[in-house]
C-alpha atoms as a PDB file:
ATOM      1  CA  MET A   1      47.015  69.024 -44.624  1.00  0.00           C
ATOM      2  CA  PRO A   2      45.805  69.266 -41.086  1.00  0.00           C
ATOM      3  CA  THR A   3      45.568  72.930 -39.843  1.00  0.00           C
ATOM      4  CA  LYS A   4      48.379  74.358 -38.039  1.00  0.00           C
ATOM      5  CA  ILE A   5      48.916  76.020 -34.658  1.00  0.00           C
ATOM      6  CA  LYS A   6      50.232  79.396 -34.333  1.00  0.00           C
ATOM      7  CA  TYR A   7      51.918  80.523 -31.710  1.00  0.00           C
ATOM      8  CA  SER A   8      53.383  84.332 -32.013  1.00  0.00           C
ATOM      9  CA  PHE A   9      55.416  86.311 -28.965  1.00  0.00           C
ATOM     10  CA  SER A  10      58.356  88.620 -28.434  1.00  0.00           C
ATOM     11  CA  ALA A  11      61.384  87.450 -27.807  1.00  0.00           C
ATOM     12  CA  LYS A  12      65.526  88.031 -27.378  1.00  0.00           C
ATOM     13  CA  PRO A  13      67.675  85.902 -29.315  1.00  0.00           C
ATOM     14  CA  TRP A  14      71.291  84.281 -27.384  1.00  0.00           C
ATOM     15  CA  GLN A  15      73.974  82.779 -28.570  1.00  0.00           C
ATOM     16  CA  HIS A  16      75.333  79.751 -26.925  1.00  0.00           C
ATOM     17  CA  SER A  17      78.154  79.608 -24.892  1.00  0.00           C
ATOM     18  CA  SER A  18      80.560  76.988 -26.882  1.00  0.00           C
ATOM     19  CA  PRO A  19      82.743  78.796 -29.340  1.00  0.00           C
ATOM     20  CA  GLY A  20      80.922  79.627 -32.659  1.00  0.00           C
ATOM     21  CA  GLY A  21      77.789  78.524 -30.628  1.00  0.00           C
ATOM     22  CA  TRP A  22      74.468  78.723 -32.192  1.00  0.00           C
ATOM     23  CA  HIS A  23      71.937  81.381 -31.724  1.00  0.00           C
ATOM     24  CA  PHE A  24      68.932  80.492 -30.451  1.00  0.00           C
ATOM     25  CA  ILE A  25      64.954  81.605 -29.057  1.00  0.00           C
ATOM     26  CA  SER A  26      63.903  80.212 -26.071  1.00  0.00           C
ATOM     27  CA  LEU A  27      59.897  80.476 -26.454  1.00  0.00           C
ATOM     28  CA  PRO A  28      57.862  81.937 -23.213  1.00  0.00           C
ATOM     29  CA  LYS A  29      57.707  79.502 -20.638  1.00  0.00           C
ATOM     30  CA  ASN A  30      53.919  79.771 -20.426  1.00  0.00           C
ATOM     31  CA  LEU A  31      53.722  78.984 -24.335  1.00  0.00           C
ATOM     32  CA  ALA A  32      55.739  76.051 -23.883  1.00  0.00           C
ATOM     33  CA  LYS A  33      54.242  74.540 -21.078  1.00  0.00           C
ATOM     34  CA  GLU A  34      50.423  75.296 -23.316  1.00  0.00           C
ATOM     35  CA  ILE A  35      52.818  73.523 -26.634  1.00  0.00           C
ATOM     36  CA  ARG A  36      54.452  70.992 -24.258  1.00  0.00           C
ATOM     37  CA  GLU A  37      50.294  69.763 -22.831  1.00  0.00           C
ATOM     38  CA  ASN A  38      48.963  70.015 -26.198  1.00  0.00           C
ATOM     39  CA  LEU A  39      51.884  68.348 -28.594  1.00  0.00           C
ATOM     40  CA  LYS A  40      54.090  66.193 -26.217  1.00  0.00           C
ATOM     41  CA  TRP A  41      52.346  63.200 -28.314  1.00  0.00           C
ATOM     42  CA  GLN A  42      54.138  64.640 -31.507  1.00  0.00           C
ATOM     43  CA  GLU A  43      57.464  65.372 -30.331  1.00  0.00           C
ATOM     44  CA  GLU A  44      60.581  63.021 -31.550  1.00  0.00           C
ATOM     45  CA  GLY A  45      63.696  62.202 -29.958  1.00  0.00           C
ATOM     46  CA  TRP A  46      65.277  64.786 -27.695  1.00  0.00           C
ATOM     47  CA  GLY A  47      61.835  66.771 -27.877  1.00  0.00           C
ATOM     48  CA  ARG A  48      61.667  67.761 -30.895  1.00  0.00           C
ATOM     49  CA  LEU A  49      58.841  69.310 -32.423  1.00  0.00           C
ATOM     50  CA  LYS A  50      58.708  69.380 -36.013  1.00  0.00           C
ATOM     51  CA  ALA A  51      57.430  73.409 -36.539  1.00  0.00           C
ATOM     52  CA  GLN A  52      57.638  76.258 -38.900  1.00  0.00           C
ATOM     53  CA  ALA A  53      59.062  79.503 -37.766  1.00  0.00           C
ATOM     54  CA  LYS A  54      58.352  83.425 -39.547  1.00  0.00           C
ATOM     55  CA  ILE A  55      60.686  86.536 -38.969  1.00  0.00           C
ATOM     56  CA  ASN A  56      59.659  89.893 -40.146  1.00  0.00           C
ATOM     57  CA  ASN A  57      59.692  88.283 -44.169  1.00  0.00           C
ATOM     58  CA  SER A  58      61.188  85.036 -43.747  1.00  0.00           C
ATOM     59  CA  GLN A  59      59.523  81.939 -43.104  1.00  0.00           C
ATOM     60  CA  TRP A  60      60.929  78.376 -42.576  1.00  0.00           C
ATOM     61  CA  ASP A  61      60.439  74.705 -41.703  1.00  0.00           C
ATOM     62  CA  THR A  62      62.662  74.046 -38.755  1.00  0.00           C
ATOM     63  CA  ALA A  63      61.956  72.380 -35.290  1.00  0.00           C
ATOM     64  CA  ILE A  64      62.083  73.218 -31.293  1.00  0.00           C
ATOM     65  CA  TRP A  65      63.696  71.226 -29.438  1.00  0.00           C
ATOM     66  CA  PHE A  66      62.553  71.285 -25.375  1.00  0.00           C
ATOM     67  CA  ASP A  67      65.159  72.343 -23.283  1.00  0.00           C
ATOM     68  CA  THR A  68      64.783  70.607 -19.767  1.00  0.00           C
ATOM     69  CA  LYS A  69      67.563  72.802 -17.903  1.00  0.00           C
ATOM     70  CA  MET A  70      65.752  76.360 -19.236  1.00  0.00           C
ATOM     71  CA  ASP A  71      62.364  74.262 -19.047  1.00  0.00           C
ATOM     72  CA  THR A  72      61.105  76.236 -22.609  1.00  0.00           C
ATOM     73  CA  TYR A  73      61.267  75.031 -25.973  1.00  0.00           C
ATOM     74  CA  LEU A  74      64.357  76.988 -28.117  1.00  0.00           C
ATOM     75  CA  LEU A  75      64.152  77.548 -31.542  1.00  0.00           C
ATOM     76  CA  PRO A  76      67.214  77.637 -33.513  1.00  0.00           C
ATOM     77  CA  LEU A  77      68.271  80.455 -35.910  1.00  0.00           C
ATOM     78  CA  LYS A  78      69.957  80.047 -38.225  1.00  0.00           C
ATOM     79  CA  ALA A  79      72.968  82.199 -40.263  1.00  0.00           C
ATOM     80  CA  GLU A  80      71.123  82.612 -43.375  1.00  0.00           C
ATOM     81  CA  ILE A  81      67.992  84.243 -41.372  1.00  0.00           C
ATOM     82  CA  ARG A  82      69.735  85.922 -38.750  1.00  0.00           C
ATOM     83  CA  LYS A  83      71.997  87.500 -42.016  1.00  0.00           C
ATOM     84  CA  LYS A  84      68.835  88.285 -43.945  1.00  0.00           C
ATOM     85  CA  GLU A  85      66.612  89.682 -40.939  1.00  0.00           C
ATOM     86  CA  ASN A  86      68.994  91.428 -39.093  1.00  0.00           C
ATOM     87  CA  ILE A  87      69.236  89.864 -36.332  1.00  0.00           C
ATOM     88  CA  VAL A  88      71.470  89.628 -33.379  1.00  0.00           C
ATOM     89  CA  ALA A  89      72.015  88.615 -30.135  1.00  0.00           C
ATOM     90  CA  GLY A  90      70.036  90.579 -27.251  1.00  0.00           C
ATOM     91  CA  LYS A  91      67.427  92.213 -29.412  1.00  0.00           C
ATOM     92  CA  THR A  92      64.171  91.846 -29.320  1.00  0.00           C
ATOM     93  CA  VAL A  93      62.350  90.237 -32.406  1.00  0.00           C
ATOM     94  CA  GLU A  94      58.887  89.258 -32.936  1.00  0.00           C
ATOM     95  CA  VAL A  95      58.354  85.692 -33.941  1.00  0.00           C
ATOM     96  CA  LEU A  96      55.645  83.566 -35.174  1.00  0.00           C
ATOM     97  CA  ILE A  97      55.929  79.492 -34.730  1.00  0.00           C
ATOM     98  CA  LEU A  98      53.593  76.828 -36.751  1.00  0.00           C
ATOM     99  CA  LEU A  99      52.903  73.556 -35.225  1.00  0.00           C
END
């Protein structure tokens, strides 16, 4: 199994404006730039990169998506993870992403 690259950062989750919109964490732009420069070749359709994410005691398989309007990758937060880790929009969390 290839060694994964670890990226850790603090960020505030936010909710998409659509009704019942998903919650996301935007990666810091400097990290997104570095990831895109090094790993863009691994992206699948729509700028999708397979990833593992860890917040507090929860680690899960997911993907980050490059959003051209925001010029960064977005990490979707499942309701299950938000509930388990008491994550709310606007409250800073520590995130670890493995690519």
